[in-house]
PDB file of N, CA and C in Angstrom:
ATOM      1  N   MET A   1       0.841  -1.179   0.000  1.00  0.00           N
ATOM      2  CA  MET A   1       0.000   0.000   0.000  1.00  0.00           C
ATOM      3  C   MET A   1       0.884   1.240   0.000  1.00  0.00           C
ATOM      4  N   ALA A   2       0.516   2.185  -0.821  1.00  0.00           N
ATOM      5  CA  ALA A   2       1.271   3.432  -0.915  1.00  0.00           C
ATOM      6  C   ALA A   2       0.826   4.398   0.165  1.00  0.00           C
ATOM      7  N   ALA A   3       1.740   5.219   0.613  1.00  0.00           N
ATOM      8  CA  ALA A   3       1.429   6.234   1.614  1.00  0.00           C
ATOM      9  C   ALA A   3       0.832   7.458   0.927  1.00  0.00           C
ATOM     10  N   PRO A   4      -0.064   8.164   1.594  1.00  0.00           N
ATOM     11  CA  PRO A   4      -0.568   9.420   1.033  1.00  0.00           C
ATOM     12  C   PRO A   4       0.581  10.408   0.821  1.00  0.00           C
ATOM     13  N   THR A   5       0.425  11.311  -0.134  1.00  0.00           N
ATOM     14  CA  THR A   5       1.437  12.328  -0.410  1.00  0.00           C
ATOM     15  C   THR A   5       0.842  13.707  -0.188  1.00  0.00           C
ATOM     16  N   VAL A   6       1.698  14.653   0.206  1.00  0.00           N
ATOM     17  CA  VAL A   6       1.242  16.031   0.412  1.00  0.00           C
ATOM     18  C   VAL A   6       2.415  16.982   0.218  1.00  0.00           C
ATOM     19  N   THR A   7       2.151  18.119  -0.410  1.00  0.00           N
ATOM     20  CA  THR A   7       3.098  19.221  -0.480  1.00  0.00           C
ATOM     21  C   THR A   7       2.333  20.483  -0.131  1.00  0.00           C
ATOM     22  N   ALA A   8       3.003  21.418   0.518  1.00  0.00           N
ATOM     23  CA  ALA A   8       2.359  22.664   0.917  1.00  0.00           C
ATOM     24  C   ALA A   8       3.291  23.827   0.611  1.00  0.00           C
ATOM     25  N   SER A   9       2.704  24.945   0.190  1.00  0.00           N
ATOM     26  CA  SER A   9       3.504  26.140  -0.077  1.00  0.00           C
ATOM     27  C   SER A   9       2.707  27.376   0.289  1.00  0.00           C
ATOM     28  N   LEU A  10       3.428  28.372   0.779  1.00  0.00           N
ATOM     29  CA  LEU A  10       2.831  29.673   1.084  1.00  0.00           C
ATOM     30  C   LEU A  10       3.153  30.643  -0.044  1.00  0.00           C
ATOM     31  N   ASN A  11       2.368  31.709  -0.172  1.00  0.00           N
ATOM     32  CA  ASN A  11       2.563  32.657  -1.262  1.00  0.00           C
ATOM     33  C   ASN A  11       3.698  33.648  -1.023  1.00  0.00           C
ATOM     34  N   ALA A  12       4.335  33.628   0.134  1.00  0.00           N
ATOM     35  CA  ALA A  12       5.470  34.514   0.418  1.00  0.00           C
ATOM     36  C   ALA A  12       6.368  33.855   1.450  1.00  0.00           C
ATOM     37  N   ALA A  13       7.621  34.332   1.509  1.00  0.00           N
ATOM     38  CA  ALA A  13       8.576  33.792   2.485  1.00  0.00           C
ATOM     39  C   ALA A  13       8.432  34.479   3.842  1.00  0.00           C
ATOM     40  N   THR A  14       8.029  35.753   3.854  1.00  0.00           N
ATOM     41  CA  THR A  14       7.834  36.499   5.092  1.00  0.00           C
ATOM     42  C   THR A  14       6.559  37.329   4.984  1.00  0.00           C
ATOM     43  N   TYR A  15       5.990  37.652   6.140  1.00  0.00           N
ATOM     44  CA  TYR A  15       4.751  38.428   6.196  1.00  0.00           C
ATOM     45  C   TYR A  15       4.873  39.495   7.266  1.00  0.00           C
ATOM     46  N   SER A  16       4.165  40.605   7.065  1.00  0.00           N
ATOM     47  CA  SER A  16       4.008  41.637   8.087  1.00  0.00           C
ATOM     48  C   SER A  16       2.632  41.458   8.711  1.00  0.00           C
ATOM     49  N   PRO A  17       2.441  41.925   9.942  1.00  0.00           N
ATOM     50  CA  PRO A  17       1.124  41.804  10.560  1.00  0.00           C
ATOM     51  C   PRO A  17       0.044  42.404   9.649  1.00  0.00           C
ATOM     52  N   GLY A  18      -1.037  41.662   9.483  1.00  0.00           N
ATOM     53  CA  GLY A  18      -2.152  42.103   8.651  1.00  0.00           C
ATOM     54  C   GLY A  18      -2.082  41.624   7.216  1.00  0.00           C
ATOM     55  N   ASP A  19      -0.930  41.092   6.784  1.00  0.00           N
ATOM     56  CA  ASP A  19      -0.817  40.560   5.423  1.00  0.00           C
ATOM     57  C   ASP A  19      -1.694  39.326   5.252  1.00  0.00           C
ATOM     58  N   GLN A  20      -2.231  39.164   4.052  1.00  0.00           N
ATOM     59  CA  GLN A  20      -2.981  37.945   3.750  1.00  0.00           C
ATOM     60  C   GLN A  20      -2.009  36.841   3.360  1.00  0.00           C
ATOM     61  N   MET A  21      -2.182  35.688   3.968  1.00  0.00           N
ATOM     62  CA  MET A  21      -1.353  34.522   3.664  1.00  0.00           C
ATOM     63  C   MET A  21      -2.208  33.521   2.901  1.00  0.00           C
ATOM     64  N   THR A  22      -1.646  32.968   1.834  1.00  0.00           N
ATOM     65  CA  THR A  22      -2.335  31.940   1.060  1.00  0.00           C
ATOM     66  C   THR A  22      -1.503  30.671   1.103  1.00  0.00           C
ATOM     67  N   LEU A  23      -2.120  29.600   1.554  1.00  0.00           N
ATOM     68  CA  LEU A  23      -1.479  28.294   1.653  1.00  0.00           C
ATOM     69  C   LEU A  23      -2.108  27.378   0.608  1.00  0.00           C
ATOM     70  N   THR A  24      -1.268  26.804  -0.256  1.00  0.00           N
ATOM     71  CA  THR A  24      -1.739  25.854  -1.260  1.00  0.00           C
ATOM     72  C   THR A  24      -1.222  24.474  -0.896  1.00  0.00           C
ATOM     73  N   VAL A  25      -2.126  23.514  -0.798  1.00  0.00           N
ATOM     74  CA  VAL A  25      -1.779  22.144  -0.407  1.00  0.00           C
ATOM     75  C   VAL A  25      -2.184  21.212  -1.549  1.00  0.00           C
ATOM     76  N   THR A  26      -1.218  20.447  -2.052  1.00  0.00           N
ATOM     77  CA  THR A  26      -1.484  19.430  -3.063  1.00  0.00           C
ATOM     78  C   THR A  26      -1.373  18.083  -2.371  1.00  0.00           C
ATOM     79  N   TYR A  27      -2.393  17.249  -2.507  1.00  0.00           N
ATOM     80  CA  TYR A  27      -2.400  15.988  -1.771  1.00  0.00           C
ATOM     81  C   TYR A  27      -3.033  14.878  -2.596  1.00  0.00           C
ATOM     82  N   GLY A  28      -2.734  13.647  -2.211  1.00  0.00           N
ATOM     83  CA  GLY A  28      -3.310  12.511  -2.910  1.00  0.00           C
ATOM     84  C   GLY A  28      -3.022  11.215  -2.190  1.00  0.00           C
ATOM     85  N   ASP A  29      -3.757  10.202  -2.549  1.00  0.00           N
ATOM     86  CA  ASP A  29      -3.577   8.863  -2.009  1.00  0.00           C
ATOM     87  C   ASP A  29      -3.864   7.887  -3.131  1.00  0.00           C
ATOM     88  N   SER A  30      -2.820   7.276  -3.663  1.00  0.00           N
ATOM     89  CA  SER A  30      -3.000   6.395  -4.820  1.00  0.00           C
ATOM     90  C   SER A  30      -3.838   5.160  -4.503  1.00  0.00           C
ATOM     91  N   ASP A  31      -4.017   4.842  -3.226  1.00  0.00           N
ATOM     92  CA  ASP A  31      -4.838   3.690  -2.854  1.00  0.00           C
ATOM     93  C   ASP A  31      -6.323   4.034  -2.779  1.00  0.00           C
ATOM     94  N   THR A  32      -6.666   5.306  -2.809  1.00  0.00           N
ATOM     95  CA  THR A  32      -8.063   5.712  -2.733  1.00  0.00           C
ATOM     96  C   THR A  32      -8.637   5.687  -4.143  1.00  0.00           C
ATOM     97  N   ARG A  33      -9.627   4.845  -4.348  1.00  0.00           N
ATOM     98  CA  ARG A  33     -10.233   4.671  -5.662  1.00  0.00           C
ATOM     99  C   ARG A  33     -11.752   4.756  -5.523  1.00  0.00           C
ATOM    100  N   PRO A  34     -12.409   5.281  -6.559  1.00  0.00           N
ATOM    101  CA  PRO A  34     -13.876   5.273  -6.528  1.00  0.00           C
ATOM    102  C   PRO A  34     -14.416   3.845  -6.613  1.00  0.00           C
ATOM    103  N   LEU A  35     -15.516   3.615  -5.963  1.00  0.00           N
ATOM    104  CA  LEU A  35     -16.166   2.314  -5.956  1.00  0.00           C
ATOM    105  C   LEU A  35     -17.621   2.537  -6.369  1.00  0.00           C
ATOM    106  N   THR A  36     -18.089   1.769  -7.345  1.00  0.00           N
ATOM    107  CA  THR A  36     -19.483   1.868  -7.778  1.00  0.00           C
ATOM    108  C   THR A  36     -20.270   0.716  -7.167  1.00  0.00           C
ATOM    109  N   VAL A  37     -21.368   1.060  -6.486  1.00  0.00           N
ATOM    110  CA  VAL A  37     -22.239   0.074  -5.867  1.00  0.00           C
ATOM    111  C   VAL A  37     -23.577   0.114  -6.598  1.00  0.00           C
ATOM    112  N   THR A  38     -24.068  -1.049  -6.999  1.00  0.00           N
ATOM    113  CA  THR A  38     -25.369  -1.151  -7.652  1.00  0.00           C
ATOM    114  C   THR A  38     -26.340  -1.829  -6.692  1.00  0.00           C
ATOM    115  N   VAL A  39     -27.514  -1.200  -6.488  1.00  0.00           N
ATOM    116  CA  VAL A  39     -28.509  -1.724  -5.549  1.00  0.00           C
ATOM    117  C   VAL A  39     -29.807  -2.007  -6.295  1.00  0.00           C
ATOM    118  N   VAL A  40     -30.363  -3.196  -6.054  1.00  0.00           N
ATOM    119  CA  VAL A  40     -31.680  -3.566  -6.559  1.00  0.00           C
ATOM    120  C   VAL A  40     -32.486  -4.035  -5.356  1.00  0.00           C
ATOM    121  N   VAL A  41     -33.669  -3.468  -5.183  1.00  0.00           N
ATOM    122  CA  VAL A  41     -34.534  -3.842  -4.065  1.00  0.00           C
ATOM    123  C   VAL A  41     -35.614  -4.783  -4.588  1.00  0.00           C
ATOM    124  N   THR A  42     -35.794  -5.933  -3.897  1.00  0.00           N
ATOM    125  CA  THR A  42     -36.804  -6.921  -4.282  1.00  0.00           C
ATOM    126  C   THR A  42     -37.745  -7.156  -3.104  1.00  0.00           C
ATOM    127  N   ASP A  43     -39.055  -7.075  -3.364  1.00  0.00           N
ATOM    128  CA  ASP A  43     -40.015  -7.303  -2.281  1.00  0.00           C
ATOM    129  C   ASP A  43     -40.326  -8.798  -2.152  1.00  0.00           C
ATOM    130  N   ALA A  44     -41.196  -9.139  -1.188  1.00  0.00           N
ATOM    131  CA  ALA A  44     -41.510 -10.541  -0.895  1.00  0.00           C
ATOM    132  C   ALA A  44     -42.202 -11.243  -2.061  1.00  0.00           C
ATOM    133  N   GLN A  45     -42.858 -10.500  -2.942  1.00  0.00           N
ATOM    134  CA  GLN A  45     -43.535 -11.097  -4.094  1.00  0.00           C
ATOM    135  C   GLN A  45     -42.600 -11.268  -5.295  1.00  0.00           C
ATOM    136  N   GLY A  46     -41.353 -10.837  -5.164  1.00  0.00           N
ATOM    137  CA  GLY A  46     -40.384 -10.974  -6.248  1.00  0.00           C
ATOM    138  C   GLY A  46     -40.322  -9.794  -7.195  1.00  0.00           C
ATOM    139  N   ASN A  47     -41.030  -8.727  -6.885  1.00  0.00           N
ATOM    140  CA  ASN A  47     -40.974  -7.515  -7.705  1.00  0.00           C
ATOM    141  C   ASN A  47     -39.680  -6.766  -7.396  1.00  0.00           C
ATOM    142  N   SER A  48     -38.971  -6.375  -8.429  1.00  0.00           N
ATOM    143  CA  SER A  48     -37.682  -5.712  -8.232  1.00  0.00           C
ATOM    144  C   SER A  48     -37.690  -4.291  -8.775  1.00  0.00           C
ATOM    145  N   SER A  49     -36.933  -3.443  -8.109  1.00  0.00           N
ATOM    146  CA  SER A  49     -36.771  -2.065  -8.574  1.00  0.00           C
ATOM    147  C   SER A  49     -35.752  -2.024  -9.703  1.00  0.00           C
ATOM    148  N   ALA A  50     -35.711  -0.897 -10.351  1.00  0.00           N
ATOM    149  CA  ALA A  50     -34.649  -0.679 -11.337  1.00  0.00           C
ATOM    150  C   ALA A  50     -33.324  -0.549 -10.578  1.00  0.00           C
ATOM    151  N   PRO A  51     -32.220  -0.947 -11.196  1.00  0.00           N
ATOM    152  CA  PRO A  51     -30.919  -0.802 -10.524  1.00  0.00           C
ATOM    153  C   PRO A  51     -30.581   0.664 -10.283  1.00  0.00           C
ATOM    154  N   VAL A  52     -30.018   0.935  -9.131  1.00  0.00           N
ATOM    155  CA  VAL A  52     -29.546   2.271  -8.787  1.00  0.00           C
ATOM    156  C   VAL A  52     -28.050   2.166  -8.547  1.00  0.00           C
ATOM    157  N   ARG A  53     -27.286   3.030  -9.179  1.00  0.00           N
ATOM    158  CA  ARG A  53     -25.829   3.010  -9.019  1.00  0.00           C
ATOM    159  C   ARG A  53     -25.381   4.225  -8.241  1.00  0.00           C
ATOM    160  N   VAL A  54     -24.489   3.997  -7.319  1.00  0.00           N
ATOM    161  CA  VAL A  54     -23.908   5.059  -6.507  1.00  0.00           C
ATOM    162  C   VAL A  54     -22.405   4.897  -6.549  1.00  0.00           C
ATOM    163  N   THR A  55     -21.708   5.989  -6.802  1.00  0.00           N
ATOM    164  CA  THR A  55     -20.244   5.969  -6.778  1.00  0.00           C
ATOM    165  C   THR A  55     -19.784   6.652  -5.499  1.00  0.00           C
ATOM    166  N   ALA A  56     -18.911   5.996  -4.773  1.00  0.00           N
ATOM    167  CA  ALA A  56     -18.391   6.537  -3.520  1.00  0.00           C
ATOM    168  C   ALA A  56     -16.882   6.356  -3.492  1.00  0.00           C
ATOM    169  N   VAL A  57     -16.217   7.230  -2.765  1.00  0.00           N
ATOM    170  CA  VAL A  57     -14.780   7.090  -2.546  1.00  0.00           C
ATOM    171  C   VAL A  57     -14.602   6.541  -1.147  1.00  0.00           C
ATOM    172  N   ILE A  58     -13.938   5.412  -1.065  1.00  0.00           N
ATOM    173  CA  ILE A  58     -13.703   4.781   0.221  1.00  0.00           C
ATOM    174  C   ILE A  58     -12.440   5.377   0.835  1.00  0.00           C
ATOM    175  N   ASP A  59     -12.537   5.781   2.053  1.00  0.00           N
ATOM    176  CA  ASP A  59     -11.395   6.314   2.789  1.00  0.00           C
ATOM    177  C   ASP A  59     -10.802   7.562   2.152  1.00  0.00           C
ATOM    178  N   PRO A  60     -11.609   8.588   1.840  1.00  0.00           N
ATOM    179  CA  PRO A  60     -11.038   9.794   1.235  1.00  0.00           C
ATOM    180  C   PRO A  60     -10.178  10.552   2.240  1.00  0.00           C
ATOM    181  N   LEU A  61      -9.211  11.290   1.736  1.00  0.00           N
ATOM    182  CA  LEU A  61      -8.360  12.112   2.589  1.00  0.00           C
ATOM    183  C   LEU A  61      -9.124  13.364   2.997  1.00  0.00           C
ATOM    184  N   THR A  62      -8.880  13.828   4.208  1.00  0.00           N
ATOM    185  CA  THR A  62      -9.413  15.102   4.662  1.00  0.00           C
ATOM    186  C   THR A  62      -8.254  15.945   5.166  1.00  0.00           C
ATOM    187  N   LEU A  63      -8.347  17.255   4.985  1.00  0.00           N
ATOM    188  CA  LEU A  63      -7.299  18.168   5.408  1.00  0.00           C
ATOM    189  C   LEU A  63      -7.765  19.008   6.576  1.00  0.00           C
ATOM    190  N   THR A  64      -6.860  19.244   7.498  1.00  0.00           N
ATOM    191  CA  THR A  64      -7.077  20.180   8.589  1.00  0.00           C
ATOM    192  C   THR A  64      -5.848  21.063   8.668  1.00  0.00           C
ATOM    193  N   VAL A  65      -6.036  22.371   8.674  1.00  0.00           N
ATOM    194  CA  VAL A  65      -4.913  23.304   8.729  1.00  0.00           C
ATOM    195  C   VAL A  65      -4.943  24.025  10.070  1.00  0.00           C
ATOM    196  N   THR A  66      -3.867  23.909  10.815  1.00  0.00           N
ATOM    197  CA  THR A  66      -3.696  24.637  12.078  1.00  0.00           C
ATOM    198  C   THR A  66      -2.259  25.130  12.146  1.00  0.00           C
ATOM    199  N   ASP A  67      -2.016  26.119  12.974  1.00  0.00           N
ATOM    200  CA  ASP A  67      -0.638  26.519  13.252  1.00  0.00           C
ATOM    201  C   ASP A  67      -0.496  26.784  14.742  1.00  0.00           C
ATOM    202  N   ASP A  68       0.741  26.928  15.192  1.00  0.00           N
ATOM    203  CA  ASP A  68       0.970  27.034  16.634  1.00  0.00           C
ATOM    204  C   ASP A  68       0.650  28.416  17.200  1.00  0.00           C
ATOM    205  N   SER A  69       0.189  29.363  16.370  1.00  0.00           N
ATOM    206  CA  SER A  69      -0.207  30.675  16.881  1.00  0.00           C
ATOM    207  C   SER A  69      -1.716  30.781  17.077  1.00  0.00           C
ATOM    208  N   GLY A  70      -2.451  29.720  16.733  1.00  0.00           N
ATOM    209  CA  GLY A  70      -3.899  29.749  16.892  1.00  0.00           C
ATOM    210  C   GLY A  70      -4.618  30.529  15.813  1.00  0.00           C
ATOM    211  N   ARG A  71      -3.934  30.837  14.732  1.00  0.00           N
ATOM    212  CA  ARG A  71      -4.507  31.580  13.610  1.00  0.00           C
ATOM    213  C   ARG A  71      -5.634  30.776  12.970  1.00  0.00           C
ATOM    214  N   ALA A  72      -6.682  31.453  12.523  1.00  0.00           N
ATOM    215  CA  ALA A  72      -7.803  30.785  11.845  1.00  0.00           C
ATOM    216  C   ALA A  72      -7.527  30.730  10.345  1.00  0.00           C
ATOM    217  N   TRP A  73      -7.485  29.529   9.795  1.00  0.00           N
ATOM    218  CA  TRP A  73      -7.298  29.314   8.359  1.00  0.00           C
ATOM    219  C   TRP A  73      -8.660  29.007   7.745  1.00  0.00           C
ATOM    220  N   THR A  74      -8.997  29.710   6.680  1.00  0.00           N
ATOM    221  CA  THR A  74     -10.270  29.535   6.001  1.00  0.00           C
ATOM    222  C   THR A  74     -10.044  28.819   4.675  1.00  0.00           C
ATOM    223  N   ARG A  75     -10.816  27.760   4.441  1.00  0.00           N
ATOM    224  CA  ARG A  75     -10.692  27.046   3.171  1.00  0.00           C
ATOM    225  C   ARG A  75     -11.341  27.873   2.073  1.00  0.00           C
ATOM    226  N   VAL A  76     -10.580  28.160   1.018  1.00  0.00           N
ATOM    227  CA  VAL A  76     -11.069  28.908  -0.131  1.00  0.00           C
ATOM    228  C   VAL A  76     -11.597  27.945  -1.183  1.00  0.00           C
ATOM    229  N   SER A  77     -10.859  26.839  -1.401  1.00  0.00           N
ATOM    230  CA  SER A  77     -11.273  25.840  -2.373  1.00  0.00           C
ATOM    231  C   SER A  77     -10.610  24.508  -2.046  1.00  0.00           C
ATOM    232  N   ASP A  78     -11.210  23.439  -2.541  1.00  0.00           N
ATOM    233  CA  ASP A  78     -10.652  22.099  -2.380  1.00  0.00           C
ATOM    234  C   ASP A  78     -11.332  21.187  -3.393  1.00  0.00           C
ATOM    235  N   ASN A  79     -10.559  20.737  -4.395  1.00  0.00           N
ATOM    236  CA  ASN A  79     -11.141  19.885  -5.426  1.00  0.00           C
ATOM    237  C   ASN A  79     -10.824  18.402  -5.214  1.00  0.00           C
ATOM    238  N   GLY A  80     -10.295  18.065  -4.057  1.00  0.00           N
ATOM    239  CA  GLY A  80      -9.967  16.674  -3.762  1.00  0.00           C
ATOM    240  C   GLY A  80      -8.511  16.329  -4.020  1.00  0.00           C
ATOM    241  N   SER A  81      -7.769  17.257  -4.636  1.00  0.00           N
ATOM    242  CA  SER A  81      -6.333  17.029  -4.832  1.00  0.00           C
ATOM    243  C   SER A  81      -5.518  18.304  -4.599  1.00  0.00           C
ATOM    244  N   VAL A  82      -6.151  19.471  -4.720  1.00  0.00           N
ATOM    245  CA  VAL A  82      -5.490  20.745  -4.418  1.00  0.00           C
ATOM    246  C   VAL A  82      -6.440  21.564  -3.564  1.00  0.00           C
ATOM    247  N   ALA A  83      -5.936  22.032  -2.433  1.00  0.00           N
ATOM    248  CA  ALA A  83      -6.742  22.854  -1.540  1.00  0.00           C
ATOM    249  C   ALA A  83      -6.026  24.183  -1.312  1.00  0.00           C
ATOM    250  N   VAL A  84      -6.803  25.247  -1.193  1.00  0.00           N
ATOM    251  CA  VAL A  84      -6.257  26.583  -0.924  1.00  0.00           C
ATOM    252  C   VAL A  84      -6.904  27.115   0.351  1.00  0.00           C
ATOM    253  N   TYR A  85      -6.061  27.605   1.264  1.00  0.00           N
ATOM    254  CA  TYR A  85      -6.508  28.161   2.534  1.00  0.00           C
ATOM    255  C   TYR A  85      -5.939  29.566   2.676  1.00  0.00           C
ATOM    256  N   ARG A  86      -6.657  30.435   3.410  1.00  0.00           N
ATOM    257  CA  ARG A  86      -6.182  31.797   3.658  1.00  0.00           C
ATOM    258  C   ARG A  86      -6.261  32.110   5.142  1.00  0.00           C
ATOM    259  N   ALA A  87      -5.326  32.984   5.564  1.00  0.00           N
ATOM    260  CA  ALA A  87      -5.320  33.498   6.936  1.00  0.00           C
ATOM    261  C   ALA A  87      -4.655  34.869   6.894  1.00  0.00           C
ATOM    262  N   VAL A  88      -4.754  35.583   8.002  1.00  0.00           N
ATOM    263  CA  VAL A  88      -4.125  36.904   8.116  1.00  0.00           C
ATOM    264  C   VAL A  88      -2.968  36.780   9.099  1.00  0.00           C
ATOM    265  N   ALA A  89      -1.827  37.360   8.668  1.00  0.00           N
ATOM    266  CA  ALA A  89      -0.609  37.287   9.516  1.00  0.00           C
ATOM    267  C   ALA A  89      -0.783  38.113  10.767  1.00  0.00           C
TER     268      ALA A  89
END
């Protein structure tokens, strides 16, 4: 099994108080794959519903951003592989 991967970068090397900080996180897990489940419901008389398909990701990665200053990071976007967070210095 492969380990999840992550890289993170800030939009600047240094900040002054009040500056906006943007953190971009690229992440992935090669073992996480979509799974399609097909469900058919049958009653006691043998009548069956039409098949219903649902696609789910088993064990998706979730991100949490914190720092040791207690700063609040706000998620701007997250498409499942790249996430952008903002905070104020």
